[in-house]
Each structure stands twice: as C-alpha cells, then as structure tokens.
Protein backbone atom coordinates (compact mmCIF):
# COMPACT_ATOMS: atom_id res chain seq x y z
CA MET A 1 38.91 -57.26 119.43
CA PRO A 2 37.84 -59.97 116.95
CA VAL A 3 39.45 -59.88 113.53
CA SER A 4 37.67 -61.20 110.46
CA ALA A 5 39.30 -63.80 108.22
CA ALA A 6 39.29 -61.31 105.35
CA ALA A 7 41.22 -58.75 107.41
CA LEU A 8 43.62 -61.43 108.69
CA TRP A 9 44.64 -62.38 105.17
CA GLY A 10 44.71 -58.79 103.98
CA TRP A 11 41.68 -59.08 101.74
CA THR A 12 39.47 -56.10 101.00
CA ILE A 13 35.73 -56.57 100.85
CA PRO A 14 34.35 -55.21 97.54
CA THR A 15 31.48 -53.12 98.94
CA ARG A 16 30.52 -51.73 95.53
CA ILE A 17 30.15 -55.19 94.07
CA SER A 18 28.00 -56.15 97.06
CA ALA A 19 25.86 -53.07 96.52
CA ARG A 20 25.40 -53.96 92.87
CA ALA A 21 24.50 -57.52 93.79
CA ALA A 22 21.88 -56.26 96.25
CA ALA A 23 20.45 -53.93 93.62
CA GLY A 24 20.41 -56.80 91.13
CA ALA A 25 18.53 -59.00 93.58
CA VAL A 26 15.82 -56.35 93.91
CA ALA A 27 15.60 -55.93 90.13
CA ALA A 28 15.35 -59.70 89.70
CA ALA A 29 12.57 -59.83 92.31
CA VAL A 30 10.67 -57.18 90.35
CA MET A 31 10.89 -59.31 87.21
CA LEU A 32 9.86 -62.49 89.04
CA ALA A 33 6.79 -60.81 90.53
CA SER A 34 5.83 -58.84 87.41
CA THR A 35 3.30 -61.43 86.22
CA ILE A 36 1.31 -61.63 89.46
CA VAL A 37 -1.25 -58.85 89.06
CA PHE A 38 -4.55 -60.12 90.43
CA SER A 39 -5.31 -56.64 91.72
CA GLU A 40 -3.70 -53.23 92.07
CA PRO A 41 -1.55 -52.43 93.89
CA ALA A 42 0.19 -55.76 93.30
CA VAL A 43 3.25 -57.38 94.87
CA VAL A 44 5.37 -56.15 91.98
CA ASP A 45 4.40 -52.57 92.83
CA ALA A 46 5.80 -52.91 96.35
CA LEU A 47 9.03 -54.38 94.96
CA LEU A 48 9.20 -51.66 92.33
CA ALA A 49 8.87 -49.02 95.03
CA ALA A 50 11.71 -50.69 96.93
CA MET A 51 13.85 -50.69 93.80
CA VAL A 52 13.20 -46.99 93.16
CA PHE A 53 14.60 -46.27 96.62
CA ILE A 54 17.33 -48.93 96.96
CA VAL A 55 19.11 -48.67 93.59
CA PRO A 56 19.95 -44.94 93.87
CA VAL A 57 20.93 -45.30 97.53
CA LEU A 58 23.36 -48.12 96.67
CA GLY A 59 24.76 -46.13 93.76
CA ALA A 60 24.16 -49.01 91.33
CA HIS A 61 22.96 -46.79 88.49
CA ARG A 62 24.18 -44.70 85.56
CA PHE A 63 21.57 -42.44 84.01
CA GLY A 64 22.39 -41.68 80.39
CA ARG A 65 20.83 -39.23 77.98
CA ILE A 66 18.21 -41.67 76.66
CA ALA A 67 16.77 -42.32 80.11
CA LEU A 68 17.01 -38.64 81.04
CA VAL A 69 15.21 -37.47 77.89
CA ASN A 70 12.44 -40.05 78.20
CA GLY A 71 12.14 -39.44 81.92
CA ALA A 72 11.60 -35.75 81.20
CA LEU A 73 8.99 -36.60 78.56
CA TRP A 74 7.07 -38.75 81.02
CA LEU A 75 7.17 -36.02 83.65
CA VAL A 76 5.45 -33.67 81.21
CA ILE A 77 2.95 -36.38 80.19
CA VAL A 78 1.96 -36.95 83.81
CA GLY A 79 1.90 -33.21 84.49
CA ALA A 80 -0.45 -32.65 81.56
CA GLY A 81 -2.63 -35.50 82.78
CA ILE A 82 -2.83 -34.03 86.28
CA ALA A 83 -3.71 -30.62 84.82
CA ALA A 84 -6.54 -32.20 82.81
CA THR A 85 -8.07 -33.82 85.89
CA MET A 86 -9.85 -30.52 86.65
CA TRP A 87 -12.33 -31.53 83.92
CA SER A 88 -12.62 -35.12 85.09
CA THR A 89 -15.96 -36.42 86.33
CA ALA A 90 -14.18 -38.56 88.96
CA PHE A 91 -11.35 -36.44 90.33
CA ASP A 92 -10.13 -38.95 92.94
CA THR A 93 -9.75 -41.86 90.53
CA ALA A 94 -8.29 -39.55 87.87
CA ILE A 95 -5.55 -38.31 90.21
CA LYS A 96 -4.86 -41.88 91.33
CA HIS A 97 -4.52 -42.97 87.71
CA GLN A 98 -1.96 -40.26 86.97
CA LEU A 99 0.02 -41.02 90.13
CA VAL A 100 0.20 -44.69 89.15
CA THR A 101 1.49 -43.62 85.73
CA PHE A 102 4.15 -41.48 87.41
CA PHE A 103 5.12 -44.37 89.68
CA LEU A 104 5.53 -46.82 86.79
CA ALA A 105 7.52 -44.29 84.76
CA ALA A 106 9.78 -43.62 87.76
CA GLY A 107 10.33 -47.36 88.15
CA ALA A 108 11.24 -47.64 84.47
CA PHE A 109 13.69 -44.75 84.83
CA VAL A 110 15.50 -46.33 87.79
CA LEU A 111 15.54 -49.80 86.20
CA ALA A 112 17.06 -48.24 83.08
CA GLY A 113 19.81 -46.70 85.20
CA PHE A 114 20.54 -50.06 86.80
CA VAL A 115 20.74 -51.81 83.42
CA ALA A 116 23.00 -49.10 81.99
CA ASP A 117 25.37 -49.53 84.94
CA GLN A 118 25.92 -53.26 84.35
CA PRO A 119 24.13 -54.37 81.18
CA GLU A 120 26.08 -57.39 79.99
CA PRO A 121 25.34 -59.76 82.89
CA TRP A 122 21.99 -58.39 84.01
CA LEU A 123 20.02 -57.95 80.80
CA LYS A 124 20.01 -61.68 80.14
CA ARG A 125 19.48 -62.52 83.83
CA LEU A 126 16.44 -60.26 83.98
CA PHE A 127 14.98 -61.91 80.89
CA TRP A 128 15.49 -65.34 82.48
CA CYS A 129 13.66 -64.09 85.57
CA TYR A 130 10.81 -62.81 83.42
CA LEU A 131 10.62 -66.14 81.58
CA ALA A 132 10.36 -67.93 84.93
CA ALA A 133 7.60 -65.54 86.01
CA CYS A 134 5.63 -66.24 82.83
CA LEU A 135 5.97 -69.98 83.43
CA VAL A 136 4.45 -69.53 86.89
CA ALA A 137 1.55 -67.51 85.46
CA THR A 138 1.04 -70.11 82.73
CA ALA A 139 1.10 -72.99 85.20
CA ALA A 140 -1.72 -71.28 87.09
CA ALA A 141 -3.60 -70.67 83.84
CA LEU A 142 -3.37 -74.30 82.72
CA ILE A 143 -4.26 -75.65 86.18
CA GLY A 144 -7.37 -73.50 86.17
CA TYR A 145 -8.38 -73.94 82.55
CA PHE A 146 -8.15 -77.74 82.52
CA ARG A 147 -9.65 -77.94 86.05
CA ILE A 148 -6.67 -79.84 87.41
CA VAL A 149 -7.71 -78.19 90.65
CA PRO A 150 -11.48 -77.67 90.23
CA ALA A 151 -11.63 -74.70 92.57
CA ALA A 152 -8.95 -72.92 90.52
CA TYR A 153 -11.10 -72.60 87.39
CA ASP A 154 -12.86 -69.41 88.46
CA LEU A 155 -9.64 -68.00 89.90
CA PHE A 156 -7.44 -68.42 86.84
CA THR A 157 -9.95 -68.08 83.97
CA ASN A 158 -12.38 -65.43 82.79
CA TYR A 159 -15.36 -66.19 80.51
CA GLY A 160 -13.75 -69.44 79.41
CA ARG A 161 -10.39 -67.81 78.65
CA ALA A 162 -7.15 -68.48 80.53
CA ARG A 163 -5.89 -65.46 82.46
CA GLY A 164 -3.40 -67.02 84.89
CA THR A 165 -2.29 -64.63 87.60
CA PHE A 166 -3.64 -61.57 85.77
CA LYS A 167 -6.97 -59.77 85.97
CA ASP A 168 -7.57 -59.94 82.22
CA PRO A 169 -6.85 -62.68 79.63
CA ASN A 170 -5.75 -60.01 77.14
CA VAL A 171 -3.06 -58.75 79.52
CA TYR A 172 -1.96 -62.30 80.32
CA GLY A 173 -1.55 -63.15 76.65
CA ALA A 174 0.34 -59.93 75.93
CA ALA A 175 2.65 -60.48 78.90
CA LEU A 176 3.79 -63.80 77.45
CA VAL A 177 5.15 -62.14 74.30
CA PRO A 178 8.56 -61.01 75.70
CA ALA A 179 9.15 -64.45 77.24
CA LEU A 180 8.32 -66.22 73.98
CA THR A 181 10.54 -63.81 72.05
CA PHE A 182 13.42 -64.45 74.45
CA ALA A 183 12.95 -68.21 74.09
CA ALA A 184 12.92 -67.86 70.29
CA TRP A 185 16.16 -65.90 70.40
CA ILE A 186 17.82 -68.65 72.46
CA VAL A 187 16.60 -71.30 70.02
CA LEU A 188 18.16 -69.35 67.14
CA ARG A 189 21.33 -68.15 68.85
CA GLY A 190 22.06 -70.37 71.85
CA THR A 191 24.01 -73.59 72.09
CA PRO A 192 22.18 -76.79 71.07
CA ARG A 193 21.56 -77.61 74.73
CA GLN A 194 20.24 -74.11 75.45
CA ALA A 195 18.07 -74.27 72.34
CA ARG A 196 16.47 -77.54 73.47
CA ILE A 197 15.76 -76.14 76.94
CA ALA A 198 14.27 -72.95 75.50
CA ALA A 199 12.05 -74.93 73.12
CA ILE A 200 10.75 -77.07 75.98
CA LEU A 201 10.02 -73.99 78.10
CA ALA A 202 8.29 -72.24 75.21
CA ALA A 203 5.79 -75.08 74.69
CA PRO A 204 3.56 -74.34 77.73
CA LEU A 205 3.83 -70.61 77.01
CA LEU A 206 2.49 -71.19 73.50
CA LEU A 207 -0.39 -73.23 74.91
CA GLY A 208 -1.16 -70.51 77.44
CA LEU A 209 -1.07 -67.88 74.70
CA LEU A 210 -3.50 -69.93 72.62
CA LEU A 211 -5.91 -70.45 75.54
CA SER A 212 -5.92 -66.75 76.40
CA PHE A 213 -7.90 -66.33 73.15
CA SER A 214 -6.43 -62.85 72.78
CA ARG A 215 -6.25 -61.85 69.13
CA GLY A 216 -4.03 -58.90 69.95
CA ALA A 217 -1.60 -61.13 71.85
CA TRP A 218 -1.52 -63.65 68.99
CA PHE A 219 -0.62 -60.91 66.53
CA SER A 220 1.89 -59.37 68.94
CA ALA A 221 3.68 -62.69 69.50
CA ALA A 222 3.88 -63.43 65.77
CA LEU A 223 5.20 -59.94 65.03
CA SER A 224 7.78 -59.93 67.83
CA VAL A 225 9.21 -63.36 67.03
CA GLY A 226 9.12 -62.49 63.34
CA ILE A 227 11.17 -59.34 63.92
CA VAL A 228 13.82 -61.29 65.84
CA GLY A 229 13.99 -63.99 63.18
CA PHE A 230 14.18 -61.46 60.35
CA VAL A 231 16.98 -59.42 61.94
CA LEU A 232 19.02 -62.49 62.86
CA LEU A 233 18.56 -63.91 59.38
CA LEU A 234 19.83 -60.70 57.79
CA ARG A 235 22.90 -60.68 60.02
CA SER A 236 23.76 -64.36 59.56
CA ARG A 237 26.63 -65.40 57.32
CA ARG A 238 27.17 -69.08 58.13
CA ALA A 239 25.41 -71.99 56.49
CA ALA A 240 24.87 -73.56 59.92
CA ASP A 241 22.78 -70.54 60.94
CA PHE A 242 20.51 -70.89 57.92
CA ARG A 243 20.07 -74.60 58.62
CA ARG A 244 19.15 -73.82 62.23
CA PHE A 245 16.61 -71.19 61.14
CA GLY A 246 15.02 -73.60 58.71
CA LEU A 247 14.87 -76.39 61.29
CA ALA A 248 13.47 -74.10 63.99
CA GLY A 249 10.86 -72.64 61.65
CA GLY A 250 9.74 -76.04 60.43
CA LEU A 251 9.57 -77.47 63.94
CA ALA A 252 7.60 -74.46 65.19
CA ALA A 253 5.10 -74.85 62.36
CA VAL A 254 4.63 -78.55 63.14
CA VAL A 255 4.18 -77.91 66.87
CA LEU A 256 1.72 -75.08 66.25
CA ALA A 257 -0.29 -77.18 63.81
CA ALA A 258 -0.36 -80.08 66.26
CA ALA A 259 -1.46 -77.80 69.10
CA LEU A 260 -4.24 -76.29 67.00
CA GLY A 261 -5.37 -79.73 65.88
CA ALA A 262 -5.49 -81.00 69.44
CA ALA A 263 -7.30 -77.88 70.65
CA LEU A 264 -9.95 -78.15 67.95
CA GLN A 265 -10.81 -81.64 69.20
CA ILE A 266 -12.18 -80.07 72.40
CA GLU A 267 -15.61 -78.63 71.61
CA GLU A 268 -15.41 -75.84 74.19
CA VAL A 269 -12.00 -74.74 72.93
CA SER A 270 -12.84 -75.03 69.23
CA THR A 271 -16.04 -72.98 69.59
CA LEU A 272 -14.33 -70.13 71.41
CA LEU A 273 -11.27 -70.32 69.16
CA LEU A 274 -13.33 -69.97 65.98
CA GLN A 275 -15.34 -67.17 67.56
CA ARG A 276 -12.25 -65.23 68.64
CA ALA A 277 -10.48 -65.80 65.32
CA SER A 278 -13.26 -63.94 63.50
CA LEU A 279 -12.61 -60.26 62.77
CA ASP A 280 -16.35 -59.49 62.73
CA GLN A 281 -17.29 -59.26 66.40
CA SER A 282 -20.64 -57.81 67.48
CA TYR A 283 -19.06 -55.67 70.19
CA ASP A 284 -16.82 -53.99 67.60
CA GLN A 285 -19.67 -52.74 65.39
CA GLY A 286 -22.21 -49.91 65.72
CA PRO A 287 -22.05 -46.55 67.50
CA GLN A 288 -21.78 -48.27 70.89
CA GLY A 289 -19.11 -50.70 69.71
CA ARG A 290 -15.35 -50.40 69.89
CA PHE A 291 -14.91 -48.59 66.60
CA GLY A 292 -17.85 -46.31 67.29
CA GLY A 293 -16.27 -45.38 70.60
CA GLN A 294 -12.96 -44.60 68.88
CA GLN A 295 -14.73 -42.25 66.47
CA LYS A 296 -16.27 -40.42 69.44
CA ALA A 297 -12.83 -40.21 71.06
CA ILE A 298 -11.26 -38.66 67.95
CA SER A 299 -13.99 -35.99 67.81
CA LEU A 300 -13.50 -35.15 71.49
CA ILE A 301 -9.71 -34.94 71.06
CA LEU A 302 -10.06 -32.44 68.21
CA GLU A 303 -12.46 -30.32 70.27
CA ASN A 304 -10.47 -30.42 73.54
CA PRO A 305 -6.74 -29.67 73.09
CA LEU A 306 -6.20 -29.77 76.86
CA GLY A 307 -7.96 -33.13 77.24
CA ILE A 308 -11.11 -34.05 79.13
CA GLY A 309 -9.56 -35.78 82.15
CA THR A 310 -8.99 -39.42 83.03
CA HIS A 311 -12.07 -41.70 82.89
CA THR A 312 -14.35 -38.88 81.70
CA PHE A 313 -14.82 -40.61 78.35
CA ARG A 314 -16.16 -43.85 79.83
CA ASP A 315 -18.25 -42.07 82.48
CA THR A 316 -19.89 -39.50 80.20
CA TYR A 317 -19.52 -40.26 76.49
CA HIS A 318 -19.19 -44.04 76.13
CA HIS A 319 -19.64 -47.14 78.24
CA GLU A 320 -15.94 -48.04 78.13
CA GLU A 321 -12.50 -46.65 77.29
CA PRO A 322 -11.55 -46.27 73.59
CA HIS A 323 -9.49 -49.51 73.43
CA ASN A 324 -6.63 -47.48 71.98
CA VAL A 325 -3.87 -46.31 74.32
CA TYR A 326 -2.93 -43.42 72.05
CA LEU A 327 -6.47 -42.02 71.95
CA THR A 328 -6.76 -42.59 75.69
CA THR A 329 -3.59 -40.61 76.35
CA PHE A 330 -4.82 -37.71 74.20
CA LEU A 331 -8.10 -37.73 76.15
CA ASN A 332 -6.35 -37.94 79.52
CA ALA A 333 -3.47 -35.51 78.93
CA GLY A 334 -4.44 -33.37 75.95
CA TRP A 335 -2.52 -32.77 72.77
CA ILE A 336 0.77 -32.16 74.58
CA GLY A 337 0.60 -35.37 76.59
CA GLY A 338 -0.56 -37.44 73.62
CA LEU A 339 2.13 -36.16 71.28
CA LEU A 340 4.88 -36.64 73.87
CA TYR A 341 3.66 -40.20 74.51
CA ILE A 342 4.01 -40.98 70.80
CA ILE A 343 7.45 -39.32 70.72
CA SER A 344 8.64 -41.41 73.68
CA VAL A 345 7.39 -44.66 72.11
CA VAL A 346 8.96 -43.90 68.72
CA LEU A 347 12.23 -42.75 70.31
CA THR A 348 12.39 -45.91 72.42
CA ILE A 349 11.90 -48.12 69.36
CA ALA A 350 14.51 -46.17 67.38
CA VAL A 351 17.26 -46.31 70.02
CA GLY A 352 16.38 -49.94 70.71
CA PHE A 353 16.93 -51.03 67.13
CA ARG A 354 20.09 -48.94 66.99
CA ALA A 355 21.47 -50.84 69.99
CA ALA A 356 20.26 -54.16 68.58
CA LEU A 357 22.03 -53.66 65.25
CA GLN A 358 25.40 -52.75 66.75
CA ASN A 359 28.21 -55.26 67.26
CA SER A 360 28.13 -55.56 71.04
CA PRO A 361 27.63 -58.24 73.69
CA ILE A 362 24.19 -56.82 74.56
CA ALA A 363 22.87 -56.60 71.00
CA GLY A 364 20.87 -59.82 71.32
CA MET A 365 19.00 -58.76 74.46
CA ALA A 366 18.44 -55.31 72.99
CA LEU A 367 16.85 -56.99 69.97
CA VAL A 368 14.56 -59.13 72.15
CA ALA A 369 13.43 -56.12 74.19
CA THR A 370 12.93 -53.89 71.16
CA ALA A 371 11.01 -56.48 69.15
CA SER A 372 8.73 -57.18 72.12
CA PHE A 373 8.22 -53.47 72.81
CA THR A 374 7.46 -52.73 69.15
CA ALA A 375 4.80 -55.43 69.05
CA THR A 376 3.33 -54.20 72.34
CA ALA A 377 3.26 -50.61 71.08
CA ILE A 378 1.42 -51.67 67.91
CA GLU A 379 -1.04 -53.72 69.98
CA GLY A 380 -1.77 -50.48 71.83
CA PHE A 381 -3.84 -49.38 68.80
CA VAL A 382 -6.52 -51.93 69.78
CA ILE A 383 -6.26 -51.98 73.58
CA ASP A 384 -5.59 -49.70 76.55
CA SER A 385 -2.08 -50.67 77.69
CA ASP A 386 -1.28 -47.51 79.66
CA HIS A 387 -0.62 -49.37 82.93
CA TRP A 388 0.79 -52.68 81.67
CA ARG A 389 3.77 -53.49 83.85
CA HIS A 390 5.68 -55.31 81.12
CA PHE A 391 5.33 -52.27 78.83
CA PHE A 392 7.30 -50.14 81.28
CA ILE A 393 9.78 -52.95 81.98
CA LEU A 394 10.58 -53.36 78.28
CA MET A 395 10.91 -49.61 77.91
CA ALA A 396 13.38 -49.54 80.79
CA LEU A 397 15.48 -52.38 79.37
CA ILE A 398 15.74 -50.58 76.04
CA TRP A 399 16.71 -47.26 77.64
CA GLY A 400 19.35 -49.03 79.72
CA ALA A 401 20.78 -50.93 76.75
CA ALA A 402 20.95 -47.76 74.65
CA ASP A 403 22.58 -45.77 77.45
CA ALA A 404 25.08 -48.55 78.14
CA ARG A 405 26.54 -48.02 74.67
CA SER A 406 26.62 -44.22 74.95
CA LEU A 407 28.16 -44.30 78.43
CA ALA A 408 30.85 -46.92 77.68
CA PRO A 409 31.60 -47.00 73.93
CA PRO A 410 35.00 -48.76 74.18
CA LYS A 411 33.58 -51.77 76.00
CA TYR A 412 30.42 -52.12 73.94
CA GLY A 413 31.97 -51.26 70.61
CA ARG A 414 33.50 -54.73 70.26
CA ARG A 415 32.17 -57.36 67.98
CA SER A 416 28.99 -58.96 69.25
CA SER A 417 29.21 -62.33 70.93
CA ASP A 418 26.40 -63.37 68.59
CA THR A 419 28.74 -63.06 65.61
CA PRO A 420 31.92 -65.17 65.74
CA PRO A 421 35.12 -63.25 64.92
CA SER A 422 36.70 -63.81 61.56
CA SER A 423 40.04 -65.56 61.18
CA ARG A 424 41.72 -62.22 60.54
CA ASP A 425 40.28 -60.79 63.78
CA ALA A 426 41.40 -63.88 65.68
CA ALA A 427 44.92 -63.61 64.29
CA ALA A 428 45.08 -59.93 65.21
CA GLN A 429 43.93 -60.71 68.75
CA LYS A 430 46.57 -63.46 69.01
CA VAL A 431 49.32 -61.05 67.97
CA MET A 432 48.14 -58.41 70.43
CA CYS A 433 48.33 -60.92 73.27
CA GLN A 434 51.98 -61.79 72.53
CA PRO A 435 54.91 -60.10 74.29
CA ALA A 436 56.24 -56.96 72.64
CA SER A 437 59.37 -58.75 71.41
CA MET A 438 57.26 -61.37 69.64
CA GLN A 439 55.20 -58.69 67.83
CA GLN A 440 58.29 -57.55 65.82
CA PRO A 441 58.69 -58.73 62.23
CA ALA A 442 60.38 -62.12 61.85
CA GLU A 443 63.30 -60.71 59.79
CA GLN A 444 64.04 -58.13 62.50
CA ARG A 445 64.02 -60.82 65.21
CA ARG A 446 66.53 -62.92 63.21
CA ARG A 447 68.93 -59.98 62.84
CA GLN A 448 69.07 -59.25 66.58
CA PRO A 449 71.30 -62.27 67.53
CA MET A 450 73.62 -61.51 64.60
CA LYS A 451 74.05 -57.89 65.75
CA ALA A 452 74.77 -59.01 69.29
CA ALA A 453 77.45 -61.47 68.09
CA LYS A 454 79.06 -58.82 65.91
CA ARG A 455 79.26 -56.36 68.80
CA SER A 456 80.92 -58.99 71.00
CA THR A 457 83.67 -59.67 68.42
CA GLN A 458 84.39 -55.94 67.99
CA ARG A 459 85.00 -55.18 71.68
CA PRO A 460 88.46 -53.47 72.19
CA THR A 461 91.19 -55.36 74.00
CA HIS A 462 93.35 -53.70 76.69
CA GLY A 463 96.98 -54.64 77.33
CA SER A 464 98.44 -55.32 80.77
C-alpha cells in the first residue's frame, strides 16, 4: 500500500486550512468576475451561486448577529416584493426580479460569513481582486472609447460614453468607486512603494470614471474618497502623515486638472463633458422627466401601502423607473419592504463606521468598504441600484467585518496596524515577552543571589 510523504514523516494535512483556501479561491473569483456584466445572468452570478453552495459545505463561515439580522431583513423585503407581484402588470418578470434580489442577498449573506471567519487576510485580498477586475473593465472601456480596436467601440461604449464590460455607463462609473477608494487608502496608509503602485493603478481608473460621463459616479467617487481622507486625517497624530496627506491631495489635484485639460482639447469629449456637467438636463424636467416621475411615484406609494408590484410603474404610470432605488423599493415591496430596506442600509453604514473607527487590523478595509457603500447608498437617490452587484458585495464585506469583531473580540481588540504603537506600548510588549524571572523588579533580582549565599553559609555541620 503506497504511503504519502506526509504520512511517512508524521505530518498531518490541515484539511480545514485547505477548505478555507478553496472557499477563498471561490470568493476571489467572484470579485474578479464582478465587473463583467454585459447581460444577466452574468459570469459572476454563476460564481456567486457556486460560492453560496461551496462556502457552507466547506464550513468556512461564521455567521454573526449583523449578518443574521440583515439576512432576516432581506428575507422580509423579498417576501413583501413577491406578495406585491399579484398587482404587477408583468407577473413573470416581476417574480424573476424578486428572485434575483433574493439570490444577490443570499450571496451577500454567505460572503459576509466567509469574511467574518477569516477577515484579516481576506478583506484586503478581496479588495485587490476587485481592483484588478476594475482595471480589466477600464482597459476594455479605453480600448473601445479611443477606438484602439475599431470594432470595440460599439461593444464598450454607449452613446459616446465609456461603459467597459457593463451594460450601462452609469453602472460602470459607479463600480469604479470602491476600487478608487481602496487605491486612495493605500496611497495614504501604505508604504511608499505601495503608494506609488496604487497611484499608478488609479490613473486609468480616474480616466475611465471621467469618460463614463456619469454625474452620480463622479459625486460618489468624490464623497467616498473624501470620507476616507477625512477619517484618516482625524485619526492621524504624526507629522509625516499630515505631510503625506498634503502631498497626495496636491498631486491628485494636479493630475485631475491635467486630465480635464487634456480631455477638453478633444471636441467630442469636451462637448459631452460640458453637457453632462450641467444640472439642467431636458430629460429631468417636466411631468414626463425624471423629477416628474418621482412625484408620481411618491403619490402612488402613499396610496398603495402594499405596493403596486415590480415594473408596474414603468409599464402603466411612467415610461421608465423612478431613478430612485428607495422609491422603487416602496413601489415594488410596499411600505414594509421600503422601510426595511432603509433600515438595512442605515444599519450597515452604522456598523461599518463602528468597525472602521475601532483599533483593529481590519479597520482600514472596513473604512474603505463603508465609505464606498455610503456613497453608493446616497447615489441611490438618483438612480435605480437595486441589482448592482458591487452594492451587495460592499454590504457583505461590511457585515463580515462587523461580525468579525463581535465574534472574536480578543483578537480584533488590539491596536490597529494603521496606528503605530506608542513607546509605552512597545515597552510593555517587550516586558511581556521576557521570561518570568526577568519580569521581576531589578531590586528583587539582585537580592536573590545574596539570599542563596546566606543560606549556604548557614547550613548545619555534622560531626563524624
């Protein structure tokens, strides 16, 4: 019977570590594929379904109270949405919409459990994977927009706006926000080498964000990066940190000004940029515009506490959805579903900032996720983001980070790696690492040899 080398040397194979590694590979694949959404279902949906099955089977999860509470909230939201489909004008598509919502919420729940089980290594790894995915989407967007491959223009753009590997330029621009926020955090908190790499990687993302011509994404990116910078600035105590913030801010302003100046030299870009930068758009005004549609939606919500069913608004009352995810949820799932959606969003932001402001090794990644999610949630007031994949991913990362602290307080109660320990803390750690005999006071250690010598001189002598 053949014997393995591990058994021959008496080694034990760590099956649980292997299971966690397998679960991590699936989670990383989900992040890498999350920006390829030409159509639905997308590749990321197949990987997300695999993760929902594989992670629990491998036991690489720890579901804490934050994930459990939010998971329960989303079950009720979907249930209310399914109940409201009886009034929908398109029952089949309405049911499908609610099932997709349930699927994405289930994926967020399982991903949160995976993150809570092993947050310190995987939170940052997952953000690196997402950054790589955004670079792929941006490469496609730039290749198409600048006609580097002429046939790719129609594939990767929409009405003269870069969309990359997404169906909509607005979704593409919004999806870049977490990656840009992560890069900004590295610039402000990483080593000089890491900061240079992050700045280089952020440059094409900024160009892609600009060429998406998405006003909501522009605002979201500015808000998210601003939140990270503000929180880090408040928590900084060293002069070197303030110098780095000033240098990074000045360099970012110069790069942005240079990019805008170069873009305005291209007539096609400058025309669309000036048009999109205006707050007075024709499609926003009038009873058939965006704001007119939102007024209709509010009236219908007040008149229908149980909702009117998914897609009924666009099929019967207006030519499109309200462009407000909160109004859309009230229409789709009634007052109960709409209120619980708001509660889940607010709760996620609250526990996210709580985790981000603690002294723990995962505080930095919790801050990146929470800042990005907050900006995305605010952008939801001007767009329907109910099925954005990165919305559910960010929500999952926040739940997992918050549950990691509640499930393992001793490990994650230590001082954050973002904040260097003080000299007093370092001295205390040095003493704790010494042998027990060395931790005694110096005067007591000096007396011990004297006592031993005295005892030896006082030993009784015995005659023959």
